[in-house]
Amino acid sequence: MFEVRSRAGKIALQVIITLMVLPFLFPLIVMVQESLSGAGFSNYRAVVDVPGFWRFFLNSAVISAGVIVIVYVVAMLGSYGFAKLRIAGREFYFWLLLACLTLPEVVLLAPLFVTDQRLNLYNTYWAVILPLSALQIPFAVLLTRNFINGLPDQLFEAIRVDGAGSIATFRHLIVPLTRPIAAAVVIFTLIGAWNDYLMPLVFLQSQSMQTITLIPTFFVGEFNNDQTKILASAVVTAIPEVVAYLGLQRLFERGLTAGAIK
């Protein structure tokens, strides 16, 4: 592994890393700073006082939790099959699944709208949970399969010798050993589901079913455009994602690195 031992090398590496981080850190600092301009913390109080704020927050939490559960279960089971089970046409189906990554979200709106109406799912949580899950599963499978491929085959041979079947192997071997990559899947899925604006706007008709991404629209209108409160709502919206990342940071970094190396 690459290692810098000299003091000058460490200083140079620290400077390079700092310069690489600044372009990503600067917009966040500006966003927080501008959200406090003018009325200060009253901007955040105005965001929380938006009618239905906590209902929007709950809707986002329910949708995100549903998407995370579906993506986790399907991605883990699918990756286990693609990586370690002997399935006819395994590689063909895997690349067919990866082809779904090329489908833009907006192209699917019309067929999904018709499908939701025929299945009576329109204006329900499922109308958003199922499409978002389907859109995120291919990338989750790609990450998880690489991770599971890196697990030694001897472990699977040993547990099969002990009499474990495919389901027992998944439960007692795959689930415990894939916690790092599972954390990465959870973080990416949470970000995609929590920040999605288009799906809830199209498939959730009533305002009481809308998500927290709708909050900034309360401060934009024909005669007003309060950017400070819009930025404050962006900060408030990002808090659950930041908390989730900090809580799963170590597992997230381990899982992402292992998947990338393989």
Protein backbone atom coordinates (compact mmCIF):
# COMPACT_ATOMS: atom_id res chain seq x y z
CA MET A 1 0.00 0.00 0.00
CA PHE A 2 1.20 3.53 -0.76
CA GLU A 3 2.74 5.17 2.31
CA VAL A 4 4.38 8.55 2.88
CA ARG A 5 7.04 8.53 5.58
CA SER A 6 8.93 11.81 5.16
CA ARG A 7 7.65 14.96 6.85
CA ALA A 8 7.74 16.94 3.59
CA GLY A 9 5.78 14.23 1.82
CA LYS A 10 3.11 14.19 4.53
CA ILE A 11 2.76 17.97 4.39
CA ALA A 12 2.49 17.91 0.59
CA LEU A 13 -0.08 15.12 0.73
CA GLN A 14 -2.11 17.05 3.34
CA VAL A 15 -2.08 20.16 1.14
CA ILE A 16 -3.20 18.16 -1.90
CA ILE A 17 -6.03 16.49 0.03
CA THR A 18 -7.15 19.85 1.43
CA LEU A 19 -7.24 21.39 -2.05
CA MET A 20 -9.26 18.43 -3.31
CA VAL A 21 -11.81 18.78 -0.50
CA LEU A 22 -12.28 22.55 -0.75
CA PRO A 23 -14.42 22.53 -3.95
CA PHE A 24 -16.90 20.24 -2.19
CA LEU A 25 -16.72 21.93 1.21
CA PHE A 26 -17.01 25.53 0.01
CA PRO A 27 -20.64 25.28 -1.29
CA LEU A 28 -21.73 23.70 2.01
CA ILE A 29 -20.13 26.49 4.03
CA VAL A 30 -21.76 29.13 1.83
CA MET A 31 -25.13 27.39 2.12
CA VAL A 32 -25.04 27.35 5.92
CA GLN A 33 -23.69 30.90 6.09
CA GLU A 34 -26.31 32.33 3.76
CA SER A 35 -29.10 30.43 5.53
CA LEU A 36 -28.23 32.40 8.68
CA SER A 37 -28.14 35.79 6.97
CA GLY A 38 -30.90 38.29 7.59
CA ALA A 39 -33.15 36.88 10.31
CA GLY A 40 -30.54 34.35 11.55
CA PHE A 41 -31.93 31.25 13.19
CA SER A 42 -35.44 32.59 12.62
CA ASN A 43 -35.04 31.32 9.06
CA TYR A 44 -34.90 27.79 10.43
CA ARG A 45 -37.91 28.45 12.64
CA ALA A 46 -39.82 29.61 9.57
CA VAL A 47 -38.93 26.35 7.84
CA VAL A 48 -40.14 24.24 10.77
CA ASP A 49 -43.30 26.34 11.03
CA VAL A 50 -44.32 25.55 7.45
CA PRO A 51 -47.82 23.97 7.55
CA GLY A 52 -47.42 20.22 7.39
CA PHE A 53 -43.64 20.22 7.90
CA TRP A 54 -43.61 17.24 10.25
CA ARG A 55 -46.05 15.39 8.00
CA PHE A 56 -43.69 15.93 5.06
CA PHE A 57 -40.81 14.73 7.20
CA LEU A 58 -42.74 11.59 8.16
CA ASN A 59 -43.64 10.89 4.53
CA SER A 60 -39.99 11.14 3.51
CA ALA A 61 -38.99 8.84 6.37
CA VAL A 62 -41.59 6.21 5.44
CA ILE A 63 -40.69 6.29 1.75
CA SER A 64 -36.95 6.18 2.42
CA ALA A 65 -37.30 3.33 4.92
CA GLY A 66 -39.40 1.32 2.48
CA VAL A 67 -36.91 1.86 -0.35
CA ILE A 68 -33.96 0.93 1.87
CA VAL A 69 -35.57 -2.33 3.00
CA ILE A 70 -36.50 -3.41 -0.53
CA VAL A 71 -33.14 -2.45 -2.04
CA TYR A 72 -31.20 -4.14 0.76
CA VAL A 73 -33.10 -7.43 0.59
CA VAL A 74 -33.19 -7.65 -3.22
CA ALA A 75 -29.59 -6.47 -3.69
CA MET A 76 -28.19 -8.90 -1.12
CA LEU A 77 -30.12 -11.88 -2.44
CA GLY A 78 -29.38 -11.01 -6.05
CA SER A 79 -25.69 -10.36 -5.42
CA TYR A 80 -25.36 -13.64 -3.55
CA GLY A 81 -26.83 -15.46 -6.53
CA PHE A 82 -24.72 -13.59 -9.09
CA ALA A 83 -21.49 -14.04 -7.10
CA LYS A 84 -21.58 -17.50 -5.52
CA LEU A 85 -24.43 -19.61 -6.93
CA ARG A 86 -24.29 -21.59 -10.15
CA ILE A 87 -27.12 -20.17 -12.23
CA ALA A 88 -27.59 -20.73 -15.95
CA GLY A 89 -27.05 -17.48 -17.83
CA ARG A 90 -25.85 -15.72 -14.71
CA GLU A 91 -23.60 -13.24 -16.48
CA PHE A 92 -26.23 -12.46 -19.12
CA TYR A 93 -28.81 -11.58 -16.46
CA PHE A 94 -26.24 -9.56 -14.54
CA TRP A 95 -25.36 -7.38 -17.52
CA LEU A 96 -29.03 -7.11 -18.40
CA LEU A 97 -29.60 -5.73 -14.91
CA LEU A 98 -26.72 -3.29 -15.28
CA ALA A 99 -28.26 -2.06 -18.53
CA CYS A 100 -31.08 -0.68 -16.41
CA LEU A 101 -28.59 1.90 -15.08
CA THR A 102 -28.86 3.66 -18.42
CA LEU A 103 -32.59 4.33 -18.04
CA PRO A 104 -33.23 7.95 -17.01
CA GLU A 105 -35.92 8.52 -14.41
CA VAL A 106 -37.92 10.95 -16.54
CA VAL A 107 -38.36 8.42 -19.39
CA LEU A 108 -40.22 6.05 -17.05
CA LEU A 109 -42.76 8.57 -15.77
CA ALA A 110 -45.45 7.94 -18.40
CA PRO A 111 -45.53 4.11 -18.19
CA LEU A 112 -45.25 4.24 -14.39
CA PHE A 113 -48.14 6.69 -14.21
CA VAL A 114 -50.38 4.38 -16.25
CA THR A 115 -49.29 1.35 -14.22
CA ASP A 116 -50.00 3.08 -10.90
CA GLN A 117 -53.49 4.06 -12.01
CA ARG A 118 -54.34 0.54 -13.20
CA LEU A 119 -53.04 -1.01 -9.97
CA ASN A 120 -54.73 1.66 -7.81
CA LEU A 121 -51.37 2.71 -6.37
CA TYR A 122 -51.59 6.36 -7.38
CA ASN A 123 -51.29 8.78 -4.45
CA THR A 124 -49.96 6.06 -2.14
CA TYR A 125 -46.50 5.46 -0.71
CA TRP A 126 -46.05 2.42 -2.95
CA ALA A 127 -46.33 4.58 -6.06
CA VAL A 128 -43.00 6.15 -5.07
CA ILE A 129 -41.33 3.34 -3.10
CA LEU A 130 -41.48 0.71 -5.84
CA PRO A 131 -40.08 2.83 -8.73
CA LEU A 132 -37.32 4.32 -6.56
CA SER A 133 -36.36 0.84 -5.37
CA ALA A 134 -36.25 -0.49 -8.93
CA LEU A 135 -34.03 2.41 -10.05
CA GLN A 136 -31.52 1.90 -7.25
CA ILE A 137 -31.29 -1.90 -7.20
CA PRO A 138 -28.91 -2.24 -10.22
CA PHE A 139 -26.23 -0.02 -8.68
CA ALA A 140 -26.65 -1.69 -5.28
CA VAL A 141 -26.23 -5.12 -6.89
CA LEU A 142 -23.10 -3.94 -8.69
CA LEU A 143 -21.51 -2.79 -5.42
CA THR A 144 -22.59 -5.80 -3.39
CA ARG A 145 -21.64 -8.42 -5.95
CA ASN A 146 -18.07 -7.12 -6.09
CA PHE A 147 -17.88 -7.31 -2.31
CA ILE A 148 -19.28 -10.85 -2.10
CA ASN A 149 -16.93 -11.97 -4.87
CA GLY A 150 -14.07 -11.03 -2.57
CA LEU A 151 -15.22 -13.41 0.16
CA PRO A 152 -13.17 -16.64 0.22
CA ASP A 153 -14.85 -19.63 -1.42
CA GLN A 154 -13.52 -21.79 1.42
CA LEU A 155 -16.04 -20.21 3.77
CA PHE A 156 -18.93 -21.26 1.55
CA GLU A 157 -17.50 -24.74 1.08
CA ALA A 158 -17.09 -25.16 4.83
CA ILE A 159 -20.64 -24.11 5.66
CA ARG A 160 -22.01 -26.41 2.92
CA VAL A 161 -20.02 -29.31 4.40
CA ASP A 162 -21.76 -28.58 7.70
CA GLY A 163 -25.08 -29.14 5.94
CA ALA A 164 -26.21 -25.56 5.36
CA GLY A 165 -28.34 -24.83 2.30
CA SER A 166 -28.48 -21.64 0.25
CA ILE A 167 -30.88 -19.90 2.63
CA ALA A 168 -28.88 -20.84 5.74
CA THR A 169 -25.68 -19.72 4.01
CA PHE A 170 -27.21 -16.37 3.20
CA ARG A 171 -28.50 -15.90 6.73
CA HIS A 172 -25.44 -17.02 8.70
CA LEU A 173 -22.63 -16.06 6.32
CA ILE A 174 -23.65 -13.40 3.82
CA VAL A 175 -25.60 -11.15 6.18
CA PRO A 176 -22.92 -10.89 8.91
CA LEU A 177 -19.98 -10.52 6.52
CA THR A 178 -21.57 -7.93 4.25
CA ARG A 179 -22.27 -5.31 6.90
CA PRO A 180 -19.67 -2.85 5.50
CA ILE A 181 -21.09 -2.90 1.98
CA ALA A 182 -24.62 -2.94 3.42
CA ALA A 183 -23.81 0.38 5.11
CA ALA A 184 -22.71 1.81 1.76
CA VAL A 185 -25.91 0.56 0.12
CA VAL A 186 -28.02 2.08 2.91
CA ILE A 187 -26.30 5.48 2.60
CA PHE A 188 -26.59 5.66 -1.19
CA THR A 189 -30.18 4.46 -1.10
CA LEU A 190 -31.11 6.95 1.61
CA ILE A 191 -29.61 9.82 -0.36
CA GLY A 192 -31.44 8.82 -3.53
CA ALA A 193 -34.80 8.27 -1.85
CA TRP A 194 -34.67 11.21 0.56
CA ASN A 195 -33.63 13.78 -2.05
CA ASP A 196 -35.91 12.60 -4.85
CA TYR A 197 -38.22 15.38 -5.95
CA LEU A 198 -39.74 14.20 -9.22
CA MET A 199 -41.40 10.93 -8.18
CA PRO A 200 -43.33 12.30 -5.17
CA LEU A 201 -44.36 15.36 -7.15
CA VAL A 202 -45.84 13.24 -9.97
CA PHE A 203 -47.27 10.24 -8.11
CA LEU A 204 -48.46 11.85 -4.87
CA GLN A 205 -51.42 14.08 -5.63
CA SER A 206 -52.54 15.34 -2.21
CA GLN A 207 -50.33 17.79 -0.34
CA SER A 208 -50.52 15.70 2.83
CA MET A 209 -48.65 12.92 1.02
CA GLN A 210 -45.80 15.11 -0.22
CA THR A 211 -42.22 14.79 1.03
CA ILE A 212 -39.81 17.18 2.66
CA THR A 213 -38.31 18.15 -0.71
CA LEU A 214 -41.46 20.25 -1.24
CA ILE A 215 -40.52 22.66 1.59
CA PRO A 216 -38.48 25.13 -0.54
CA THR A 217 -41.50 25.76 -2.80
CA PHE A 218 -43.27 27.48 0.13
CA PHE A 219 -40.74 30.31 -0.09
CA VAL A 220 -40.89 30.79 -3.87
CA GLY A 221 -43.84 32.42 -5.55
CA GLU A 222 -44.94 35.10 -7.95
CA PHE A 223 -44.16 37.93 -5.54
CA ASN A 224 -41.53 36.42 -3.24
CA ASN A 225 -38.27 34.51 -3.52
CA ASP A 226 -36.73 34.19 -0.07
CA GLN A 227 -33.36 32.56 -0.77
CA THR A 228 -32.29 32.55 2.89
CA LYS A 229 -35.22 30.36 3.89
CA ILE A 230 -34.71 28.16 0.83
CA LEU A 231 -31.13 27.53 1.92
CA ALA A 232 -32.30 26.95 5.50
CA SER A 233 -34.74 24.33 4.26
CA ALA A 234 -31.89 22.68 2.31
CA VAL A 235 -29.81 22.48 5.48
CA VAL A 236 -32.72 21.02 7.47
CA THR A 237 -33.41 18.50 4.71
CA ALA A 238 -29.79 17.33 4.72
CA ILE A 239 -29.57 16.71 8.48
CA PRO A 240 -30.92 13.09 8.47
CA GLU A 241 -28.48 12.13 5.72
CA VAL A 242 -25.53 13.65 7.58
CA VAL A 243 -26.53 11.87 10.79
CA ALA A 244 -26.89 8.55 8.94
CA TYR A 245 -23.48 8.95 7.32
CA LEU A 246 -21.75 9.82 10.58
CA GLY A 247 -23.34 6.81 12.27
CA LEU A 248 -22.27 4.41 9.51
CA GLN A 249 -19.05 6.15 8.45
CA ARG A 250 -16.57 3.39 9.32
CA LEU A 251 -18.64 0.62 7.77
CA PHE A 252 -19.40 2.81 4.75
CA GLU A 253 -15.73 3.49 4.01
CA ARG A 254 -14.73 -0.14 4.51
CA GLY A 255 -17.51 -1.41 2.25
CA LEU A 256 -16.88 1.14 -0.49
CA THR A 257 -13.14 0.50 -0.50
CA ALA A 258 -13.54 -3.28 -0.60
CA GLY A 259 -15.99 -3.07 -3.47
CA ALA A 260 -13.72 -0.74 -5.41
CA ILE A 261 -10.61 -2.89 -4.93
CA LYS A 262 -12.32 -6.02 -6.20
